[in-house]
Amino acid sequence: MRVKVYYICAVLLMLSLSAPLVFADPGAQADNLLGWWLFDSEKDEIGNWDDMDLHGAELKGGQLIVETGKWAHALEYDGPDIEEKTLMTWVALDSLAATKGSALTLDKATEDQFNAIVYAERQPNQWMSGSSWFHRTEDFPKAHNEKKEGEMVYLAFTYEDKGGTYKITGYRNGESLGSYEKGEIKTWPTGDAEIIWGKRHTNGLGGPGDLNAHIEESRIYSVALTEAEVKGMEPESLDVVPQGKLATQWAKLKRK
């Protein structure tokens, strides 16, 4: 009888351990991920971008720390051409006073053509979709005023092709900031794109804007994610294998 009890307990334990593991929205659109930075190193975990160059910015505790005059970028892009996209980042402002810098910028290396998650360039304390000469920029209809330093927030800006014009939608912690349509579709081609943190955009080794912040994670997709996909995202929740790492090292697993 004792053996049977042990056997039943062992079976129940195995069944509980084998309950299906699911991800928090298991990497929606993971196949369309163009870049993924976890900031434990200079590497893009997808491998489309060269290692980051740190211009005074610092990697510490799995975060990228940018300050006034201290920024970072990743060059040498060899992925597919980029038109539609989603820019996504998790960021905590260390200072509400440092303005006009970016928590994530897609820039064209050879000319002034960028889109960015920019803080307080047009309106105080608000995130906006920055762009060259405001060609793809308006204030979001439901913009949020940031009031707390040190609060980690999740930002996602989507850029959807609506008949040759961008429909741009902003999200903060999964909640929509509203949408607008503005600017003709642009291309960031293979070999002519860079990612920037801290500065709004750059010209060589300098550029406008500053951001004082800790950045936890950044991603760029080649599609405009849906509202449901944006709401389901969590840091490190992708069901893909980062280069040289086990997927479960980074994935936030949940049990059903």
Protein backbone atom coordinates (compact mmCIF):
# COMPACT_ATOMS: atom_id res chain seq x y z
CA MET A 1 0.00 0.00 0.00
CA ARG A 2 2.83 2.39 0.89
CA VAL A 3 4.42 1.75 -2.51
CA LYS A 4 1.14 2.58 -4.23
CA VAL A 5 0.82 5.82 -2.28
CA TYR A 6 4.36 6.83 -3.25
CA TYR A 7 3.59 5.95 -6.88
CA ILE A 8 0.39 8.04 -6.92
CA CYS A 9 2.18 11.00 -5.34
CA ALA A 10 4.97 10.72 -7.88
CA VAL A 11 2.48 10.65 -10.75
CA LEU A 12 0.62 13.69 -9.39
CA LEU A 13 3.91 15.56 -9.00
CA MET A 14 4.92 14.77 -12.57
CA LEU A 15 1.54 15.89 -13.88
CA SER A 16 1.82 19.21 -12.05
CA LEU A 17 5.33 19.77 -13.37
CA SER A 18 4.27 18.89 -16.90
CA ALA A 19 1.39 21.38 -16.91
CA PRO A 20 1.69 23.41 -20.09
CA LEU A 21 4.02 26.37 -19.85
CA VAL A 22 2.76 29.49 -21.60
CA PHE A 23 4.29 32.86 -22.17
CA ALA A 24 2.63 36.19 -21.48
CA ASP A 25 1.44 36.57 -25.07
CA PRO A 26 4.18 34.25 -26.32
CA GLY A 27 6.16 36.56 -28.51
CA ALA A 28 3.41 37.97 -30.72
CA GLN A 29 4.96 38.71 -34.11
CA ALA A 30 8.30 37.29 -32.96
CA ASP A 31 9.06 36.32 -36.57
CA ASN A 32 8.94 40.01 -37.46
CA LEU A 33 11.33 41.11 -34.74
CA LEU A 34 14.20 43.13 -36.25
CA GLY A 35 16.10 44.05 -33.09
CA TRP A 36 16.00 43.09 -29.40
CA TRP A 37 18.23 44.60 -26.72
CA LEU A 38 18.25 43.28 -23.14
CA PHE A 39 21.24 45.44 -22.12
CA ASP A 40 23.17 42.74 -20.32
CA SER A 41 25.68 43.26 -23.14
CA GLU A 42 26.15 45.41 -26.23
CA LYS A 43 24.54 42.79 -28.48
CA ASP A 44 21.31 42.78 -30.42
CA GLU A 45 19.88 39.37 -29.52
CA ILE A 46 18.41 38.93 -33.02
CA GLY A 47 21.72 39.64 -34.73
CA ASN A 48 20.61 42.19 -37.35
CA TRP A 49 22.59 45.06 -35.80
CA ASP A 50 26.24 45.43 -34.90
CA ASP A 51 27.19 45.71 -31.22
CA MET A 52 26.23 48.95 -29.48
CA ASP A 53 28.71 51.80 -29.21
CA LEU A 54 28.51 53.52 -25.82
CA HIS A 55 29.21 57.25 -25.95
CA GLY A 56 29.35 57.82 -22.21
CA ALA A 57 26.24 55.70 -21.60
CA GLU A 58 26.65 52.74 -19.24
CA LEU A 59 25.39 49.17 -19.07
CA LYS A 60 24.66 48.23 -15.47
CA GLY A 61 22.43 45.58 -13.90
CA GLY A 62 20.78 44.67 -17.21
CA GLN A 63 19.90 48.28 -18.02
CA LEU A 64 21.22 50.98 -20.31
CA ILE A 65 21.82 54.22 -18.40
CA VAL A 66 21.78 57.40 -20.50
CA GLU A 67 22.38 60.92 -19.20
CA THR A 68 22.81 64.42 -20.53
CA GLY A 69 25.52 64.15 -23.19
CA LYS A 70 25.80 60.37 -22.68
CA TRP A 71 24.13 58.15 -25.25
CA ALA A 72 24.50 54.97 -27.32
CA HIS A 73 23.78 53.65 -30.79
CA ALA A 74 23.93 50.46 -32.85
CA LEU A 75 25.09 50.60 -36.48
CA GLU A 76 25.68 48.22 -39.39
CA TYR A 77 22.14 46.96 -39.96
CA ASP A 78 21.87 43.91 -42.25
CA GLY A 79 18.21 42.98 -41.82
CA PRO A 80 15.38 43.57 -44.31
CA ASP A 81 14.25 47.03 -45.44
CA ILE A 82 12.04 48.74 -42.86
CA GLU A 83 8.82 50.63 -43.67
CA GLU A 84 5.98 49.60 -41.34
CA LYS A 85 7.27 49.11 -37.81
CA THR A 86 6.75 49.13 -34.06
CA LEU A 87 9.20 50.84 -31.71
CA MET A 88 9.01 49.44 -28.17
CA THR A 89 10.96 50.22 -25.02
CA TRP A 90 10.78 50.01 -21.21
CA VAL A 91 12.18 53.17 -19.64
CA ALA A 92 12.35 54.96 -16.28
CA LEU A 93 13.08 58.68 -16.33
CA ASP A 94 15.77 59.72 -13.85
CA SER A 95 14.99 63.37 -14.50
CA LEU A 96 11.85 65.02 -15.81
CA ALA A 97 13.90 68.09 -16.69
CA ALA A 98 16.14 66.54 -19.37
CA THR A 99 14.15 66.87 -22.59
CA LYS A 100 14.04 66.28 -26.34
CA GLY A 101 16.01 63.02 -26.13
CA SER A 102 14.87 59.56 -27.18
CA ALA A 103 14.31 56.23 -25.46
CA LEU A 104 14.56 54.51 -28.87
CA THR A 105 15.24 55.96 -32.32
CA LEU A 106 15.32 54.41 -35.78
CA ASP A 107 17.52 56.69 -37.88
CA LYS A 108 18.81 56.55 -41.42
CA ALA A 109 22.59 56.70 -41.30
CA THR A 110 23.10 58.66 -44.53
CA GLU A 111 20.46 61.39 -44.13
CA ASP A 112 18.06 63.07 -41.71
CA GLN A 113 15.24 60.52 -41.63
CA PHE A 114 14.16 59.17 -38.27
CA ASN A 115 11.29 58.07 -36.07
CA ALA A 116 11.73 58.03 -32.31
CA ILE A 117 10.13 57.68 -28.88
CA VAL A 118 10.94 61.22 -27.75
CA TYR A 119 10.36 62.83 -24.37
CA ALA A 120 9.04 66.41 -24.02
CA GLU A 121 10.14 67.97 -27.29
CA ARG A 122 6.84 69.71 -28.11
CA GLN A 123 4.85 69.40 -24.89
CA PRO A 124 6.22 69.29 -21.32
CA ASN A 125 6.32 65.85 -19.68
CA GLN A 126 4.82 64.01 -22.67
CA TRP A 127 6.14 61.23 -24.88
CA MET A 128 5.71 61.78 -28.60
CA SER A 129 6.65 60.22 -31.91
CA GLY A 130 9.63 62.28 -33.00
CA SER A 131 10.53 62.58 -36.67
CA SER A 132 12.71 64.61 -39.02
CA TRP A 133 11.25 68.12 -39.26
CA PHE A 134 8.03 66.78 -37.62
CA HIS A 135 7.04 65.20 -40.95
CA ARG A 136 5.54 62.24 -39.05
CA THR A 137 4.80 64.00 -35.76
CA GLU A 138 1.67 65.27 -34.02
CA ASP A 139 0.77 65.36 -30.33
CA PHE A 140 -1.08 62.19 -29.34
CA PRO A 141 -4.78 62.96 -28.62
CA LYS A 142 -4.64 61.21 -25.24
CA ALA A 143 -1.05 61.99 -24.26
CA HIS A 144 0.02 61.25 -20.69
CA ASN A 145 1.89 63.76 -18.52
CA GLU A 146 4.79 62.05 -16.73
CA LYS A 147 4.95 63.08 -13.08
CA LYS A 148 7.24 60.54 -11.40
CA GLU A 149 10.97 60.08 -11.74
CA GLY A 150 12.16 56.48 -11.48
CA GLU A 151 8.87 54.92 -12.64
CA MET A 152 9.42 52.18 -15.24
CA VAL A 153 6.93 52.57 -18.09
CA TYR A 154 6.37 50.50 -21.22
CA LEU A 155 6.06 52.48 -24.45
CA ALA A 156 5.13 51.19 -27.90
CA PHE A 157 4.66 53.33 -31.01
CA THR A 158 3.23 51.62 -34.12
CA TYR A 159 3.62 52.86 -37.71
CA GLU A 160 1.05 51.36 -40.09
CA ASP A 161 0.84 51.88 -43.85
CA LYS A 162 -2.57 53.40 -44.66
CA GLY A 163 -2.46 53.80 -48.43
CA GLY A 164 0.98 55.39 -48.50
CA THR A 165 0.55 57.44 -45.31
CA TYR A 166 1.59 56.40 -41.80
CA LYS A 167 -1.05 55.78 -39.16
CA ILE A 168 0.88 56.30 -35.92
CA THR A 169 -0.48 55.02 -32.61
CA GLY A 170 1.12 55.43 -29.21
CA TYR A 171 0.75 53.19 -26.16
CA ARG A 172 1.88 53.70 -22.57
CA ASN A 173 1.73 50.64 -20.31
CA GLY A 174 -0.58 49.05 -22.88
CA GLU A 175 -3.08 51.93 -22.87
CA SER A 176 -3.62 53.81 -26.11
CA LEU A 177 -2.46 57.42 -26.34
CA GLY A 178 -4.50 57.78 -29.53
CA SER A 179 -3.63 57.81 -33.23
CA TYR A 180 -3.13 60.17 -36.14
CA GLU A 181 -2.25 59.84 -39.83
CA LYS A 182 0.66 61.87 -41.12
CA GLY A 183 3.70 61.53 -43.39
CA GLU A 184 4.38 59.43 -46.45
CA ILE A 185 5.83 55.96 -46.03
CA LYS A 186 9.62 56.00 -45.81
CA THR A 187 12.20 53.21 -46.17
CA TRP A 188 15.15 52.42 -43.92
CA PRO A 189 17.08 50.04 -46.17
CA THR A 190 19.48 47.24 -45.40
CA GLY A 191 22.87 48.78 -44.66
CA ASP A 192 21.49 52.26 -44.00
CA ALA A 193 19.83 52.31 -40.58
CA GLU A 194 20.89 52.81 -36.98
CA ILE A 195 19.29 52.56 -33.54
CA ILE A 196 19.91 55.34 -31.00
CA TRP A 197 19.26 55.73 -27.28
CA GLY A 198 19.56 59.08 -25.48
CA LYS A 199 19.97 61.46 -28.40
CA ARG A 200 16.93 62.18 -30.57
CA HIS A 201 18.95 61.57 -33.73
CA THR A 202 22.58 61.99 -34.69
CA ASN A 203 24.92 63.42 -37.27
CA GLY A 204 28.14 61.49 -36.84
CA LEU A 205 29.05 61.45 -33.15
CA GLY A 206 26.65 64.13 -31.96
CA GLY A 207 23.06 65.21 -32.13
CA PRO A 208 20.20 67.05 -30.44
CA GLY A 209 18.24 66.18 -27.33
CA ASP A 210 19.07 64.59 -23.98
CA LEU A 211 17.48 61.91 -21.86
CA ASN A 212 18.32 60.98 -18.27
CA ALA A 213 16.93 57.50 -17.87
CA HIS A 214 17.37 53.79 -17.17
CA ILE A 215 16.26 51.70 -20.17
CA GLU A 216 15.35 48.11 -19.34
CA GLU A 217 14.69 46.64 -22.78
CA SER A 218 14.08 47.76 -26.38
CA ARG A 219 12.61 46.08 -29.46
CA ILE A 220 11.82 46.98 -33.06
CA TYR A 221 9.39 45.03 -35.24
CA SER A 222 8.85 45.16 -39.01
CA VAL A 223 5.07 45.36 -38.54
CA ALA A 224 2.60 47.62 -36.74
CA LEU A 225 1.48 45.55 -33.77
CA THR A 226 -2.22 45.47 -32.92
CA GLU A 227 -3.59 46.90 -29.68
CA ALA A 228 -4.12 43.38 -28.33
CA GLU A 229 -0.52 42.43 -29.15
CA VAL A 230 0.82 45.55 -27.47
CA LYS A 231 -1.27 44.94 -24.35
CA GLY A 232 0.04 41.37 -24.07
CA MET A 233 3.72 42.24 -24.06
CA GLU A 234 5.95 42.00 -21.00
CA PRO A 235 9.71 42.55 -20.66
CA GLU A 236 11.72 39.50 -21.72
CA SER A 237 8.54 37.64 -22.75
CA LEU A 238 9.51 36.64 -26.26
CA ASP A 239 9.35 32.99 -27.31
CA VAL A 240 12.55 33.23 -29.31
CA VAL A 241 16.10 32.15 -28.55
CA PRO A 242 18.54 35.04 -28.02
CA GLN A 243 21.93 34.46 -29.56
CA GLY A 244 24.03 32.18 -27.34
CA LYS A 245 21.38 31.91 -24.60
CA LEU A 246 18.67 29.48 -23.55
CA ALA A 247 15.17 30.77 -24.26
CA THR A 248 14.04 30.04 -20.72
CA GLN A 249 16.84 32.19 -19.31
CA TRP A 250 15.05 35.27 -20.59
CA ALA A 251 11.43 34.25 -20.98
CA LYS A 252 8.98 35.07 -18.21
CA LEU A 253 7.20 31.72 -17.89
CA LYS A 254 3.72 31.26 -16.47
CA ARG A 255 1.78 28.11 -15.66
CA LYS A 256 -1.85 27.53 -16.54
